[in-house]
Amino acid sequence: MSTLNDPLSTDGGLGRRWSILPGTDLLWHPGDDTSLVYDLLSGDTHLLDNLSAMLLDTLSSQPLSEAELLAAVVDDWSLDSQGAAEAVSQRLHNLRQLDLIYLTDS
């Protein structure tokens, strides 16, 4: 099965980038280990761990591929590349399930 047609795929595919949903407006309340994020578009409040919050915040600036997000995480966090890849992939999947981000062709 091709992951290019799978809306929940986190492999990114060639030329595919993660982006926040159009029209999303987030209010942040950061904490030590977690952040509360209120989505004005949906009215939902989310409790995110620091890595999920960092990914979402990074994507609010510009769409990025999973590889680009992974590079940012490896630079900013003390995770080995395998651990970081698994963590980033899982967090992207979770953020997608929350309807905060999506994969786009670019």
N, C-alpha and C. Protein backbone atom coordinates (compact mmCIF):
# COMPACT_ATOMS: atom_id res chain seq x y z
N MET A 1 0.85 -1.19 0.00
CA MET A 1 0.00 0.00 0.00
C MET A 1 0.88 1.24 0.00
N SER A 2 0.59 2.15 -0.87
CA SER A 2 1.36 3.38 -0.97
C SER A 2 1.01 4.34 0.15
N THR A 3 2.03 4.92 0.77
CA THR A 3 1.78 5.88 1.83
C THR A 3 1.48 7.27 1.27
N LEU A 4 1.70 7.48 -0.04
CA LEU A 4 1.44 8.79 -0.61
C LEU A 4 -0.05 9.12 -0.61
N ASN A 5 -0.91 8.12 -0.60
CA ASN A 5 -2.34 8.36 -0.57
C ASN A 5 -2.94 8.21 0.81
N ASP A 6 -2.12 7.90 1.78
CA ASP A 6 -2.59 7.68 3.14
C ASP A 6 -2.53 9.00 3.91
N PRO A 7 -3.70 9.59 4.27
CA PRO A 7 -3.67 10.89 4.96
C PRO A 7 -3.06 10.83 6.34
N LEU A 8 -2.91 9.64 6.91
CA LEU A 8 -2.30 9.53 8.24
C LEU A 8 -0.84 9.12 8.18
N SER A 9 -0.31 8.93 6.97
CA SER A 9 1.09 8.55 6.82
C SER A 9 1.98 9.64 7.37
N THR A 10 3.03 9.23 8.06
CA THR A 10 3.98 10.23 8.57
C THR A 10 5.33 10.14 7.87
N ASP A 11 5.43 9.35 6.78
CA ASP A 11 6.74 9.25 6.14
C ASP A 11 7.05 10.48 5.30
N GLY A 12 6.06 11.28 5.02
CA GLY A 12 6.30 12.52 4.32
C GLY A 12 6.37 12.38 2.81
N GLY A 13 6.88 11.27 2.27
CA GLY A 13 6.98 11.12 0.84
C GLY A 13 7.84 12.19 0.21
N LEU A 14 8.17 12.01 -1.04
CA LEU A 14 8.97 13.00 -1.74
C LEU A 14 8.16 14.27 -1.96
N GLY A 15 8.70 15.40 -1.55
CA GLY A 15 8.05 16.67 -1.76
C GLY A 15 6.88 16.95 -0.84
N ARG A 16 6.60 16.05 0.07
CA ARG A 16 5.47 16.26 0.96
C ARG A 16 5.94 16.94 2.23
N ARG A 17 5.12 17.85 2.69
CA ARG A 17 5.47 18.61 3.89
C ARG A 17 4.29 18.63 4.84
N TRP A 18 4.63 18.71 6.12
CA TRP A 18 3.62 18.87 7.15
C TRP A 18 3.32 20.34 7.32
N SER A 19 2.05 20.65 7.57
CA SER A 19 1.63 22.03 7.75
C SER A 19 0.49 22.07 8.74
N ILE A 20 0.32 23.21 9.40
CA ILE A 20 -0.87 23.36 10.24
C ILE A 20 -2.06 23.57 9.31
N LEU A 21 -3.25 23.26 9.80
CA LEU A 21 -4.45 23.42 8.99
C LEU A 21 -4.69 24.89 8.69
N PRO A 22 -5.11 25.20 7.46
CA PRO A 22 -5.41 26.59 7.12
C PRO A 22 -6.46 27.17 8.07
N GLY A 23 -6.25 28.41 8.47
CA GLY A 23 -7.19 29.07 9.35
C GLY A 23 -6.98 28.78 10.83
N THR A 24 -6.03 27.91 11.13
CA THR A 24 -5.77 27.57 12.52
C THR A 24 -5.21 28.77 13.27
N ASP A 25 -5.78 29.03 14.42
CA ASP A 25 -5.31 30.10 15.30
C ASP A 25 -5.19 29.49 16.69
N LEU A 26 -3.98 29.42 17.21
CA LEU A 26 -3.73 28.73 18.47
C LEU A 26 -3.36 29.70 19.58
N LEU A 27 -3.90 29.46 20.76
CA LEU A 27 -3.49 30.18 21.96
C LEU A 27 -2.68 29.20 22.81
N TRP A 28 -1.51 29.63 23.25
CA TRP A 28 -0.57 28.75 23.96
C TRP A 28 -0.49 29.12 25.43
N HIS A 29 -0.41 28.10 26.27
CA HIS A 29 -0.11 28.27 27.69
C HIS A 29 0.98 27.24 28.02
N PRO A 30 2.26 27.63 27.84
CA PRO A 30 3.35 26.68 28.06
C PRO A 30 3.58 26.41 29.55
N GLY A 31 3.95 25.18 29.83
CA GLY A 31 4.33 24.78 31.18
C GLY A 31 5.73 24.20 31.16
N ASP A 32 6.14 23.58 32.25
CA ASP A 32 7.48 23.00 32.32
C ASP A 32 7.62 21.77 31.43
N ASP A 33 6.68 20.84 31.53
CA ASP A 33 6.77 19.57 30.78
C ASP A 33 5.70 19.43 29.72
N THR A 34 4.68 20.29 29.75
CA THR A 34 3.57 20.22 28.81
C THR A 34 3.12 21.62 28.45
N SER A 35 2.34 21.70 27.41
CA SER A 35 1.73 22.97 27.01
C SER A 35 0.25 22.73 26.76
N LEU A 36 -0.56 23.69 27.18
CA LEU A 36 -1.97 23.70 26.81
C LEU A 36 -2.10 24.54 25.55
N VAL A 37 -2.80 24.01 24.58
CA VAL A 37 -3.00 24.72 23.31
C VAL A 37 -4.49 24.75 23.04
N TYR A 38 -5.01 25.95 22.89
CA TYR A 38 -6.43 26.13 22.56
C TYR A 38 -6.53 26.48 21.09
N ASP A 39 -7.30 25.70 20.35
CA ASP A 39 -7.51 25.91 18.92
C ASP A 39 -8.78 26.74 18.73
N LEU A 40 -8.61 28.01 18.36
CA LEU A 40 -9.76 28.89 18.18
C LEU A 40 -10.66 28.43 17.04
N LEU A 41 -10.11 27.76 16.04
CA LEU A 41 -10.89 27.28 14.90
C LEU A 41 -11.87 26.19 15.31
N SER A 42 -11.39 25.21 16.07
CA SER A 42 -12.24 24.07 16.45
C SER A 42 -12.87 24.23 17.83
N GLY A 43 -12.28 25.07 18.67
CA GLY A 43 -12.75 25.19 20.05
C GLY A 43 -12.19 24.13 20.97
N ASP A 44 -11.25 23.32 20.46
CA ASP A 44 -10.65 22.24 21.25
C ASP A 44 -9.43 22.73 22.02
N THR A 45 -9.24 22.17 23.19
CA THR A 45 -8.04 22.40 23.99
C THR A 45 -7.25 21.11 24.02
N HIS A 46 -5.92 21.21 23.82
CA HIS A 46 -5.06 20.05 23.77
C HIS A 46 -3.93 20.19 24.79
N LEU A 47 -3.61 19.10 25.45
CA LEU A 47 -2.45 19.03 26.34
C LEU A 47 -1.34 18.32 25.58
N LEU A 48 -0.28 19.03 25.27
CA LEU A 48 0.81 18.50 24.46
C LEU A 48 2.09 18.39 25.27
N ASP A 49 2.84 17.32 25.03
CA ASP A 49 4.18 17.24 25.62
C ASP A 49 5.08 18.24 24.90
N ASN A 50 6.26 18.47 25.44
CA ASN A 50 7.14 19.50 24.90
C ASN A 50 7.55 19.25 23.45
N LEU A 51 7.80 17.99 23.09
CA LEU A 51 8.20 17.69 21.72
C LEU A 51 7.04 17.98 20.75
N SER A 52 5.84 17.57 21.10
CA SER A 52 4.68 17.86 20.24
C SER A 52 4.48 19.36 20.11
N ALA A 53 4.61 20.08 21.20
CA ALA A 53 4.47 21.54 21.16
C ALA A 53 5.53 22.17 20.28
N MET A 54 6.76 21.69 20.39
CA MET A 54 7.84 22.23 19.56
C MET A 54 7.57 21.99 18.08
N LEU A 55 7.10 20.79 17.73
CA LEU A 55 6.80 20.48 16.34
C LEU A 55 5.67 21.36 15.82
N LEU A 56 4.62 21.49 16.60
CA LEU A 56 3.48 22.31 16.19
C LEU A 56 3.89 23.78 16.04
N ASP A 57 4.65 24.28 16.98
CA ASP A 57 5.12 25.66 16.92
C ASP A 57 6.01 25.88 15.70
N THR A 58 6.89 24.92 15.42
CA THR A 58 7.77 25.02 14.25
C THR A 58 6.95 25.04 12.96
N LEU A 59 5.93 24.21 12.90
CA LEU A 59 5.09 24.15 11.69
C LEU A 59 4.21 25.38 11.53
N SER A 60 4.00 26.13 12.60
CA SER A 60 3.20 27.34 12.47
C SER A 60 3.93 28.41 11.68
N SER A 61 5.25 28.28 11.55
CA SER A 61 6.05 29.24 10.78
C SER A 61 6.07 28.91 9.29
N GLN A 62 6.17 27.60 8.99
CA GLN A 62 6.25 27.18 7.60
C GLN A 62 6.07 25.67 7.51
N PRO A 63 5.56 25.18 6.40
CA PRO A 63 5.47 23.73 6.20
C PRO A 63 6.87 23.13 6.09
N LEU A 64 7.05 21.96 6.69
CA LEU A 64 8.34 21.28 6.66
C LEU A 64 8.14 19.79 6.45
N SER A 65 9.14 19.15 5.86
CA SER A 65 9.11 17.70 5.70
C SER A 65 9.44 17.04 7.04
N GLU A 66 9.15 15.76 7.13
CA GLU A 66 9.50 15.04 8.35
C GLU A 66 11.01 15.04 8.56
N ALA A 67 11.78 14.96 7.48
CA ALA A 67 13.24 14.98 7.59
C ALA A 67 13.73 16.32 8.13
N GLU A 68 13.11 17.41 7.69
CA GLU A 68 13.49 18.73 8.20
C GLU A 68 13.13 18.88 9.68
N LEU A 69 11.97 18.36 10.05
CA LEU A 69 11.58 18.40 11.47
C LEU A 69 12.51 17.54 12.31
N LEU A 70 12.87 16.39 11.79
CA LEU A 70 13.80 15.50 12.50
C LEU A 70 15.14 16.18 12.72
N ALA A 71 15.64 16.86 11.70
CA ALA A 71 16.92 17.58 11.84
C ALA A 71 16.83 18.63 12.94
N ALA A 72 15.71 19.33 13.02
CA ALA A 72 15.53 20.34 14.06
C ALA A 72 15.51 19.70 15.44
N VAL A 73 14.86 18.55 15.56
CA VAL A 73 14.78 17.85 16.84
C VAL A 73 16.15 17.34 17.27
N VAL A 74 16.89 16.75 16.36
CA VAL A 74 18.22 16.22 16.69
C VAL A 74 19.13 17.36 17.13
N ASP A 75 18.98 18.54 16.48
CA ASP A 75 19.79 19.70 16.85
C ASP A 75 19.40 20.24 18.23
N ASP A 76 18.11 20.24 18.55
CA ASP A 76 17.62 20.89 19.77
C ASP A 76 17.47 19.96 20.98
N TRP A 77 17.34 18.66 20.76
CA TRP A 77 17.07 17.71 21.84
C TRP A 77 18.21 16.71 21.94
N SER A 78 18.41 16.16 23.08
CA SER A 78 19.47 15.17 23.26
C SER A 78 18.92 13.76 23.03
N LEU A 79 18.52 13.49 21.79
CA LEU A 79 18.05 12.17 21.39
C LEU A 79 18.94 11.65 20.29
N ASP A 80 19.18 10.34 20.27
CA ASP A 80 19.90 9.77 19.14
C ASP A 80 18.97 9.83 17.93
N SER A 81 19.53 9.70 16.72
CA SER A 81 18.73 9.88 15.52
C SER A 81 17.61 8.85 15.41
N GLN A 82 17.84 7.60 15.83
CA GLN A 82 16.79 6.59 15.78
C GLN A 82 15.67 6.91 16.77
N GLY A 83 16.04 7.27 17.98
CA GLY A 83 15.05 7.64 18.98
C GLY A 83 14.28 8.88 18.56
N ALA A 84 14.98 9.84 17.98
CA ALA A 84 14.33 11.06 17.53
C ALA A 84 13.37 10.77 16.38
N ALA A 85 13.78 9.91 15.45
CA ALA A 85 12.92 9.58 14.31
C ALA A 85 11.62 8.95 14.77
N GLU A 86 11.71 8.03 15.71
CA GLU A 86 10.51 7.38 16.24
C GLU A 86 9.63 8.39 16.99
N ALA A 87 10.26 9.24 17.78
CA ALA A 87 9.51 10.23 18.56
C ALA A 87 8.81 11.24 17.64
N VAL A 88 9.51 11.72 16.63
CA VAL A 88 8.93 12.69 15.71
C VAL A 88 7.78 12.05 14.93
N SER A 89 7.99 10.85 14.43
CA SER A 89 6.95 10.16 13.67
C SER A 89 5.68 9.97 14.51
N GLN A 90 5.85 9.53 15.75
CA GLN A 90 4.71 9.32 16.63
C GLN A 90 3.98 10.63 16.94
N ARG A 91 4.74 11.70 17.22
CA ARG A 91 4.12 12.98 17.55
C ARG A 91 3.38 13.55 16.34
N LEU A 92 3.96 13.42 15.14
CA LEU A 92 3.27 13.90 13.95
C LEU A 92 1.96 13.15 13.74
N HIS A 93 1.98 11.85 13.94
CA HIS A 93 0.76 11.05 13.83
C HIS A 93 -0.28 11.54 14.84
N ASN A 94 0.15 11.78 16.07
CA ASN A 94 -0.77 12.25 17.11
C ASN A 94 -1.35 13.63 16.78
N LEU A 95 -0.50 14.54 16.31
CA LEU A 95 -0.97 15.88 15.95
C LEU A 95 -1.94 15.80 14.76
N ARG A 96 -1.69 14.88 13.84
CA ARG A 96 -2.61 14.67 12.71
C ARG A 96 -3.95 14.15 13.21
N GLN A 97 -3.92 13.22 14.16
CA GLN A 97 -5.15 12.67 14.73
C GLN A 97 -5.97 13.75 15.44
N LEU A 98 -5.30 14.75 15.96
CA LEU A 98 -5.98 15.87 16.64
C LEU A 98 -6.47 16.95 15.67
N ASP A 99 -6.25 16.72 14.36
CA ASP A 99 -6.63 17.67 13.31
C ASP A 99 -5.93 19.02 13.48
N LEU A 100 -4.68 18.98 13.91
CA LEU A 100 -3.89 20.21 14.02
C LEU A 100 -2.96 20.38 12.83
N ILE A 101 -2.55 19.27 12.19
CA ILE A 101 -1.64 19.33 11.05
C ILE A 101 -2.12 18.37 9.96
N TYR A 102 -1.56 18.54 8.78
CA TYR A 102 -1.86 17.64 7.67
C TYR A 102 -0.66 17.60 6.73
N LEU A 103 -0.62 16.58 5.88
CA LEU A 103 0.42 16.46 4.85
C LEU A 103 -0.05 17.14 3.59
N THR A 104 0.83 17.91 2.99
CA THR A 104 0.51 18.61 1.76
C THR A 104 1.58 18.34 0.73
N ASP A 105 1.22 18.34 -0.53
CA ASP A 105 2.20 18.24 -1.61
C ASP A 105 2.77 19.62 -1.84
N SER A 106 4.09 19.68 -1.98
CA SER A 106 4.69 20.99 -2.26
C SER A 106 5.88 20.84 -3.15
